PDB file of N, CA and C in Angstrom:
ATOM      1  N   MET A   1      35.143 113.621 134.356  1.00  0.00           N
ATOM      2  CA  MET A   1      34.638 112.833 133.367  1.00  0.00           C
ATOM      3  C   MET A   1      33.315 113.323 132.586  1.00  0.00           C
ATOM      4  N   ALA A   2      32.607 113.920 133.467  1.00  0.00           N
ATOM      5  CA  ALA A   2      31.279 114.598 132.973  1.00  0.00           C
ATOM      6  C   ALA A   2      31.655 115.516 132.106  1.00  0.00           C
ATOM      7  N   LEU A   3      32.471 116.420 132.322  1.00  0.00           N
ATOM      8  CA  LEU A   3      32.952 117.603 131.449  1.00  0.00           C
ATOM      9  C   LEU A   3      33.289 117.007 130.034  1.00  0.00           C
ATOM     10  N   PHE A   4      34.148 115.930 130.211  1.00  0.00           N
ATOM     11  CA  PHE A   4      34.688 115.245 129.036  1.00  0.00           C
ATOM     12  C   PHE A   4      33.502 114.769 128.025  1.00  0.00           C
ATOM     13  N   LEU A   5      32.635 114.107 128.875  1.00  0.00           N
ATOM     14  CA  LEU A   5      31.529 113.493 127.967  1.00  0.00           C
ATOM     15  C   LEU A   5      30.543 114.676 127.461  1.00  0.00           C
ATOM     16  N   ALA A   6      30.541 115.695 128.213  1.00  0.00           N
ATOM     17  CA  ALA A   6      29.649 116.760 127.657  1.00  0.00           C
ATOM     18  C   ALA A   6      30.292 117.441 126.465  1.00  0.00           C
ATOM     19  N   ALA A   7      31.524 117.689 126.663  1.00  0.00           N
ATOM     20  CA  ALA A   7      32.244 118.240 125.469  1.00  0.00           C
ATOM     21  C   ALA A   7      32.365 117.371 124.232  1.00  0.00           C
ATOM     22  N   LEU A   8      32.472 115.961 124.364  1.00  0.00           N
ATOM     23  CA  LEU A   8      32.548 115.071 123.254  1.00  0.00           C
ATOM     24  C   LEU A   8      30.833 115.057 122.661  1.00  0.00           C
ATOM     25  N   GLY A   9      29.966 115.160 123.503  1.00  0.00           N
ATOM     26  CA  GLY A   9      28.705 115.316 122.936  1.00  0.00           C
ATOM     27  C   GLY A   9      28.330 116.469 122.076  1.00  0.00           C
ATOM     28  N   ILE A  10      28.822 117.596 122.481  1.00  0.00           N
ATOM     29  CA  ILE A  10      28.808 118.912 121.874  1.00  0.00           C
ATOM     30  C   ILE A  10      29.467 118.821 120.610  1.00  0.00           C
ATOM     31  N   TYR A  11      30.696 118.316 120.442  1.00  0.00           N
ATOM     32  CA  TYR A  11      31.485 118.091 119.338  1.00  0.00           C
ATOM     33  C   TYR A  11      30.652 117.317 118.461  1.00  0.00           C
ATOM     34  N   GLY A  12      30.141 116.208 118.837  1.00  0.00           N
ATOM     35  CA  GLY A  12      29.327 115.167 118.009  1.00  0.00           C
ATOM     36  C   GLY A  12      28.317 115.951 117.244  1.00  0.00           C
ATOM     37  N   VAL A  13      27.526 116.616 117.970  1.00  0.00           N
ATOM     38  CA  VAL A  13      26.289 117.488 117.429  1.00  0.00           C
ATOM     39  C   VAL A  13      26.868 118.209 116.505  1.00  0.00           C
ATOM     40  N   LYS A  14      27.885 119.217 116.916  1.00  0.00           N
ATOM     41  CA  LYS A  14      28.220 120.014 115.949  1.00  0.00           C
ATOM     42  C   LYS A  14      28.855 119.604 114.616  1.00  0.00           C
ATOM     43  N   ALA A  15      29.498 118.456 114.812  1.00  0.00           N
ATOM     44  CA  ALA A  15      30.130 117.758 113.660  1.00  0.00           C
ATOM     45  C   ALA A  15      28.941 117.473 112.778  1.00  0.00           C
ATOM     46  N   TYR A  16      27.807 116.948 113.328  1.00  0.00           N
ATOM     47  CA  TYR A  16      26.720 116.318 112.410  1.00  0.00           C
ATOM     48  C   TYR A  16      25.999 117.554 111.739  1.00  0.00           C
ATOM     49  N   LEU A  17      25.923 118.647 112.481  1.00  0.00           N
ATOM     50  CA  LEU A  17      25.395 119.758 111.937  1.00  0.00           C
ATOM     51  C   LEU A  17      26.172 120.331 110.846  1.00  0.00           C
ATOM     52  N   VAL A  18      27.493 120.498 110.958  1.00  0.00           N
ATOM     53  CA  VAL A  18      28.364 120.980 109.801  1.00  0.00           C
ATOM     54  C   VAL A  18      28.264 119.928 108.510  1.00  0.00           C
ATOM     55  N   ALA A  19      28.344 118.587 108.896  1.00  0.00           N
ATOM     56  CA  ALA A  19      28.393 117.746 107.877  1.00  0.00           C
ATOM     57  C   ALA A  19      26.862 117.688 107.097  1.00  0.00           C
ATOM     58  N   SER A  20      25.908 117.796 107.686  1.00  0.00           N
ATOM     59  CA  SER A  20      24.621 117.941 107.012  1.00  0.00           C
ATOM     60  C   SER A  20      24.439 119.175 106.245  1.00  0.00           C
ATOM     61  N   ARG A  21      25.216 120.269 106.615  1.00  0.00           N
ATOM     62  CA  ARG A  21      25.061 121.555 105.847  1.00  0.00           C
ATOM     63  C   ARG A  21      26.225 121.637 104.815  1.00  0.00           C
ATOM     64  N   THR A  22      26.816 120.617 104.407  1.00  0.00           N
ATOM     65  CA  THR A  22      27.936 120.502 103.442  1.00  0.00           C
ATOM     66  C   THR A  22      27.362 121.258 102.031  1.00  0.00           C
ATOM     67  N   PRO A  23      26.287 121.062 101.509  1.00  0.00           N
ATOM     68  CA  PRO A  23      25.769 121.539 100.272  1.00  0.00           C
ATOM     69  C   PRO A  23      25.631 123.051 100.661  1.00  0.00           C
ATOM     70  N   GLU A  24      25.235 123.383 101.523  1.00  0.00           N
ATOM     71  CA  GLU A  24      25.224 124.989 101.740  1.00  0.00           C
ATOM     72  C   GLU A  24      26.389 125.589 101.791  1.00  0.00           C
ATOM     73  N   ILE A  25      27.421 125.030 102.570  1.00  0.00           N
ATOM     74  CA  ILE A  25      28.785 125.646 102.623  1.00  0.00           C
ATOM     75  C   ILE A  25      29.383 125.694 101.118  1.00  0.00           C
ATOM     76  N   GLY A  26      28.903 124.685 100.294  1.00  0.00           N
ATOM     77  CA  GLY A  26      29.530 124.727  98.982  1.00  0.00           C
ATOM     78  C   GLY A  26      29.045 125.777  98.224  1.00  0.00           C
ATOM     79  N   ILE A  27      27.854 126.033  98.581  1.00  0.00           N
ATOM     80  CA  ILE A  27      26.964 126.997  97.728  1.00  0.00           C
ATOM     81  C   ILE A  27      27.746 128.596  98.232  1.00  0.00           C
ATOM     82  N   ARG A  28      27.853 128.582  99.274  1.00  0.00           N
ATOM     83  CA  ARG A  28      28.458 129.792  99.895  1.00  0.00           C
ATOM     84  C   ARG A  28      29.754 130.255  99.408  1.00  0.00           C
ATOM     85  N   MET A  29      30.505 128.969  99.201  1.00  0.00           N
ATOM     86  CA  MET A  29      31.865 129.247  98.685  1.00  0.00           C
ATOM     87  C   MET A  29      31.870 129.423  97.319  1.00  0.00           C
ATOM     88  N   ALA A  30      30.912 128.836  96.595  1.00  0.00           N
ATOM     89  CA  ALA A  30      30.706 129.363  94.988  1.00  0.00           C
ATOM     90  C   ALA A  30      30.306 130.702  94.770  1.00  0.00           C
ATOM     91  N   LEU A  31      29.679 131.304  95.869  1.00  0.00           N
ATOM     92  CA  LEU A  31      29.249 132.696  95.631  1.00  0.00           C
ATOM     93  C   LEU A  31      30.173 133.497  96.258  1.00  0.00           C
ATOM     94  N   GLY A  32      31.382 133.032  96.620  1.00  0.00           N
ATOM     95  CA  GLY A  32      32.499 133.879  96.931  1.00  0.00           C
ATOM     96  C   GLY A  32      32.775 133.998  98.389  1.00  0.00           C
ATOM     97  N   ALA A  33      32.178 133.103  99.352  1.00  0.00           N
ATOM     98  CA  ALA A  33      32.649 133.175 100.674  1.00  0.00           C
ATOM     99  C   ALA A  33      34.060 132.538 100.888  1.00  0.00           C
ATOM    100  N   THR A  34      34.682 133.018 102.006  1.00  0.00           N
ATOM    101  CA  THR A  34      36.114 132.695 102.116  1.00  0.00           C
ATOM    102  C   THR A  34      36.034 131.394 103.159  1.00  0.00           C
ATOM    103  N   ARG A  35      37.101 130.844 103.301  1.00  0.00           N
ATOM    104  CA  ARG A  35      37.168 129.744 104.338  1.00  0.00           C
ATOM    105  C   ARG A  35      37.025 130.420 105.777  1.00  0.00           C
ATOM    106  N   ARG A  36      37.594 131.296 105.918  1.00  0.00           N
ATOM    107  CA  ARG A  36      37.576 132.138 107.221  1.00  0.00           C
ATOM    108  C   ARG A  36      36.086 132.556 107.616  1.00  0.00           C
ATOM    109  N   GLY A  37      35.402 133.196 106.403  1.00  0.00           N
ATOM    110  CA  GLY A  37      34.092 133.708 106.789  1.00  0.00           C
ATOM    111  C   GLY A  37      33.274 132.390 107.027  1.00  0.00           C
ATOM    112  N   ILE A  38      33.347 131.409 106.419  1.00  0.00           N
ATOM    113  CA  ILE A  38      32.406 130.200 106.859  1.00  0.00           C
ATOM    114  C   ILE A  38      32.858 129.660 108.165  1.00  0.00           C
ATOM    115  N   LEU A  39      34.070 129.819 108.550  1.00  0.00           N
ATOM    116  CA  LEU A  39      34.522 129.286 109.940  1.00  0.00           C
ATOM    117  C   LEU A  39      33.999 130.096 110.827  1.00  0.00           C
ATOM    118  N   ILE A  40      33.933 131.254 110.738  1.00  0.00           N
ATOM    119  CA  ILE A  40      33.390 132.306 111.622  1.00  0.00           C
ATOM    120  C   ILE A  40      31.879 132.159 111.702  1.00  0.00           C
ATOM    121  N   TYR A  41      31.208 131.946 110.563  1.00  0.00           N
ATOM    122  CA  TYR A  41      29.764 131.679 110.563  1.00  0.00           C
ATOM    123  C   TYR A  41      29.435 130.374 111.382  1.00  0.00           C
ATOM    124  N   MET A  42      30.131 129.351 111.296  1.00  0.00           N
ATOM    125  CA  MET A  42      29.841 128.150 111.987  1.00  0.00           C
ATOM    126  C   MET A  42      30.276 128.290 113.460  1.00  0.00           C
ATOM    127  N   LEU A  43      31.207 129.095 113.767  1.00  0.00           N
ATOM    128  CA  LEU A  43      31.514 129.109 115.172  1.00  0.00           C
ATOM    129  C   LEU A  43      30.732 130.103 115.805  1.00  0.00           C
ATOM    130  N   ARG A  44      30.131 131.194 115.105  1.00  0.00           N
ATOM    131  CA  ARG A  44      29.083 132.194 115.779  1.00  0.00           C
ATOM    132  C   ARG A  44      27.654 131.338 116.120  1.00  0.00           C
ATOM    133  N   GLU A  45      27.365 130.375 115.204  1.00  0.00           N
ATOM    134  CA  GLU A  45      26.186 129.684 115.339  1.00  0.00           C
ATOM    135  C   GLU A  45      26.269 128.791 116.495  1.00  0.00           C
ATOM    136  N   GLY A  46      27.502 128.166 116.535  1.00  0.00           N
ATOM    137  CA  GLY A  46      27.637 127.237 117.628  1.00  0.00           C
ATOM    138  C   GLY A  46      27.721 127.938 119.069  1.00  0.00           C
ATOM    139  N   ALA A  47      28.425 129.195 119.036  1.00  0.00           N
ATOM    140  CA  ALA A  47      28.393 129.872 120.388  1.00  0.00           C
ATOM    141  C   ALA A  47      26.995 130.413 120.847  1.00  0.00           C
ATOM    142  N   ALA A  48      26.114 130.725 119.742  1.00  0.00           N
ATOM    143  CA  ALA A  48      24.811 131.214 119.867  1.00  0.00           C
ATOM    144  C   ALA A  48      24.073 129.727 120.638  1.00  0.00           C
ATOM    145  N   LEU A  49      24.154 128.708 119.967  1.00  0.00           N
ATOM    146  CA  LEU A  49      23.358 127.493 120.658  1.00  0.00           C
ATOM    147  C   LEU A  49      24.109 127.212 121.877  1.00  0.00           C
ATOM    148  N   THR A  50      25.230 127.361 122.280  1.00  0.00           N
ATOM    149  CA  THR A  50      25.868 127.291 123.423  1.00  0.00           C
ATOM    150  C   THR A  50      25.341 128.160 124.658  1.00  0.00           C
ATOM    151  N   LEU A  51      25.185 129.367 124.288  1.00  0.00           N
ATOM    152  CA  LEU A  51      24.626 130.370 125.107  1.00  0.00           C
ATOM    153  C   LEU A  51      23.096 130.123 125.507  1.00  0.00           C
ATOM    154  N   VAL A  52      22.446 129.763 124.350  1.00  0.00           N
ATOM    155  CA  VAL A  52      21.041 129.463 124.625  1.00  0.00           C
ATOM    156  C   VAL A  52      20.885 128.336 125.688  1.00  0.00           C
ATOM    157  N   GLY A  53      21.729 127.244 125.473  1.00  0.00           N
ATOM    158  CA  GLY A  53      21.652 125.938 125.981  1.00  0.00           C
ATOM    159  C   GLY A  53      22.045 126.219 127.587  1.00  0.00           C
ATOM    160  N   LEU A  54      23.143 127.135 127.750  1.00  0.00           N
ATOM    161  CA  LEU A  54      23.636 127.417 129.110  1.00  0.00           C
ATOM    162  C   LEU A  54      22.651 128.388 129.955  1.00  0.00           C
ATOM    163  N   SER A  55      22.011 129.077 129.119  1.00  0.00           N
ATOM    164  CA  SER A  55      20.965 129.951 129.938  1.00  0.00           C
ATOM    165  C   SER A  55      19.744 129.170 130.226  1.00  0.00           C
ATOM    166  N   ILE A  56      19.300 128.306 129.490  1.00  0.00           N
ATOM    167  CA  ILE A  56      18.162 127.477 129.838  1.00  0.00           C
ATOM    168  C   ILE A  56      18.517 126.475 130.884  1.00  0.00           C
ATOM    169  N   GLY A  57      19.899 126.060 130.981  1.00  0.00           N
ATOM    170  CA  GLY A  57      20.269 125.109 131.927  1.00  0.00           C
ATOM    171  C   GLY A  57      20.415 125.748 133.217  1.00  0.00           C
ATOM    172  N   LEU A  58      20.851 126.917 133.245  1.00  0.00           N
ATOM    173  CA  LEU A  58      21.007 127.813 134.460  1.00  0.00           C
ATOM    174  C   LEU A  58      19.667 127.935 135.158  1.00  0.00           C
ATOM    175  N   LEU A  59      18.763 128.404 134.175  1.00  0.00           N
ATOM    176  CA  LEU A  59      17.386 128.778 134.718  1.00  0.00           C
ATOM    177  C   LEU A  59      16.811 127.433 135.416  1.00  0.00           C
ATOM    178  N   LEU A  60      16.964 126.445 134.670  1.00  0.00           N
ATOM    179  CA  LEU A  60      16.354 125.195 135.064  1.00  0.00           C
ATOM    180  C   LEU A  60      16.983 124.593 136.582  1.00  0.00           C
ATOM    181  N   ALA A  61      18.324 125.062 136.625  1.00  0.00           N
ATOM    182  CA  ALA A  61      19.089 124.642 137.939  1.00  0.00           C
ATOM    183  C   ALA A  61      18.535 125.415 139.056  1.00  0.00           C
ATOM    184  N   LEU A  62      18.373 126.700 138.821  1.00  0.00           N
ATOM    185  CA  LEU A  62      18.013 127.654 139.887  1.00  0.00           C
ATOM    186  C   LEU A  62      16.572 127.236 140.233  1.00  0.00           C
ATOM    187  N   ALA A  63      15.634 126.918 139.199  1.00  0.00           N
ATOM    188  CA  ALA A  63      14.278 126.439 139.675  1.00  0.00           C
ATOM    189  C   ALA A  63      14.328 125.204 140.430  1.00  0.00           C
ATOM    190  N   ALA A  64      15.216 124.273 139.962  1.00  0.00           N
ATOM    191  CA  ALA A  64      15.252 122.870 140.674  1.00  0.00           C
ATOM    192  C   ALA A  64      15.572 123.345 142.146  1.00  0.00           C
ATOM    193  N   GLY A  65      16.634 124.167 142.279  1.00  0.00           N
ATOM    194  CA  GLY A  65      17.208 124.651 143.669  1.00  0.00           C
ATOM    195  C   GLY A  65      16.026 125.233 144.461  1.00  0.00           C
ATOM    196  N   THR A  66      15.294 126.080 143.969  1.00  0.00           N
ATOM    197  CA  THR A  66      14.050 126.638 144.689  1.00  0.00           C
ATOM    198  C   THR A  66      13.195 125.463 144.990  1.00  0.00           C
ATOM    199  N   VAL A  67      12.877 124.672 144.178  1.00  0.00           N
ATOM    200  CA  VAL A  67      11.753 123.615 144.637  1.00  0.00           C
ATOM    201  C   VAL A  67      12.491 122.668 145.734  1.00  0.00           C
ATOM    202  N   LEU A  68      13.739 122.327 145.571  1.00  0.00           N
ATOM    203  CA  LEU A  68      14.350 121.631 146.488  1.00  0.00           C
ATOM    204  C   LEU A  68      14.565 122.355 147.915  1.00  0.00           C
ATOM    205  N   GLN A  69      14.668 123.570 147.973  1.00  0.00           N
ATOM    206  CA  GLN A  69      14.679 124.502 149.066  1.00  0.00           C
ATOM    207  C   GLN A  69      13.533 124.080 150.031  1.00  0.00           C
ATOM    208  N   GLY A  70      12.302 123.966 149.422  1.00  0.00           N
ATOM    209  CA  GLY A  70      11.070 123.639 150.192  1.00  0.00           C
ATOM    210  C   GLY A  70      11.114 122.243 150.849  1.00  0.00           C
ATOM    211  N   MET A  71      11.809 121.336 150.111  1.00  0.00           N
ATOM    212  CA  MET A  71      12.026 119.920 150.565  1.00  0.00           C
ATOM    213  C   MET A  71      13.021 119.497 151.490  1.00  0.00           C
ATOM    214  N   ILE A  72      14.075 120.246 151.663  1.00  0.00           N
ATOM    215  CA  ILE A  72      15.360 119.899 152.281  1.00  0.00           C
ATOM    216  C   ILE A  72      15.520 121.057 153.226  1.00  0.00           C
ATOM    217  N   TYR A  73      15.721 120.720 154.365  1.00  0.00           N
ATOM    218  CA  TYR A  73      15.913 121.959 155.555  1.00  0.00           C
ATOM    219  C   TYR A  73      17.150 122.401 155.502  1.00  0.00           C
ATOM    220  N   GLY A  74      17.238 123.679 155.542  1.00  0.00           N
ATOM    221  CA  GLY A  74      18.748 124.418 155.517  1.00  0.00           C
ATOM    222  C   GLY A  74      19.429 124.434 154.337  1.00  0.00           C
ATOM    223  N   VAL A  75      18.953 124.371 153.135  1.00  0.00           N
ATOM    224  CA  VAL A  75      19.594 124.258 151.845  1.00  0.00           C
ATOM    225  C   VAL A  75      19.023 125.486 151.024  1.00  0.00           C
ATOM    226  N   SER A  76      19.631 126.296 150.631  1.00  0.00           N
ATOM    227  CA  SER A  76      19.302 127.529 149.716  1.00  0.00           C
ATOM    228  C   SER A  76      19.456 127.116 148.186  1.00  0.00           C
ATOM    229  N   PRO A  77      18.673 127.835 147.242  1.00  0.00           N
ATOM    230  CA  PRO A  77      18.972 127.419 145.865  1.00  0.00           C
ATOM    231  C   PRO A  77      20.392 127.543 145.329  1.00  0.00           C
ATOM    232  N   THR A  78      20.994 128.519 146.008  1.00  0.00           N
ATOM    233  CA  THR A  78      22.515 128.769 145.614  1.00  0.00           C
ATOM    234  C   THR A  78      23.533 128.522 146.641  1.00  0.00           C
ATOM    235  N   ASP A  79      23.290 127.332 147.266  1.00  0.00           N
ATOM    236  CA  ASP A  79      24.113 126.837 148.485  1.00  0.00           C
ATOM    237  C   ASP A  79      25.450 126.512 147.729  1.00  0.00           C
ATOM    238  N   ARG A  80      26.573 127.022 148.451  1.00  0.00           N
ATOM    239  CA  ARG A  80      27.790 126.659 147.670  1.00  0.00           C
ATOM    240  C   ARG A  80      28.804 126.281 149.007  1.00  0.00           C
ATOM    241  N   SER A  81      28.114 125.661 150.241  1.00  0.00           N
ATOM    242  CA  SER A  81      29.049 125.185 151.232  1.00  0.00           C
ATOM    243  C   SER A  81      29.571 123.947 150.926  1.00  0.00           C
ATOM    244  N   ALA A  82      30.858 123.766 151.259  1.00  0.00           N
ATOM    245  CA  ALA A  82      31.457 122.661 150.941  1.00  0.00           C
ATOM    246  C   ALA A  82      31.094 121.550 152.140  1.00  0.00           C
ATOM    247  N   SER A  83      31.295 120.102 151.570  1.00  0.00           N
ATOM    248  CA  SER A  83      30.943 119.185 152.367  1.00  0.00           C
ATOM    249  C   SER A  83      32.273 118.954 153.167  1.00  0.00           C
ATOM    250  N   PRO A  84      32.040 118.748 154.731  1.00  0.00           N
ATOM    251  CA  PRO A  84      33.364 118.203 155.393  1.00  0.00           C
ATOM    252  C   PRO A  84      33.803 116.998 155.031  1.00  0.00           C
TER     253      PRO A  84
END
């Protein structure tokens, strides 16, 4: 459920960004850009934002794990043990 909500949120943000840039897309097309070129441009921009977000999230998760390591006995920052 969380993955679905995250994907829905990302879709909503990207849809808003594309809709707000409609005039820019129109100008690019008027100057000779193809539909494929614009699609690749938008996907590349979305991928860059996703990678930045994933990187920041991973760093924050590892930092939180390190902080929690001092508070909870026997838990490492990258603890992957399954609960019984």
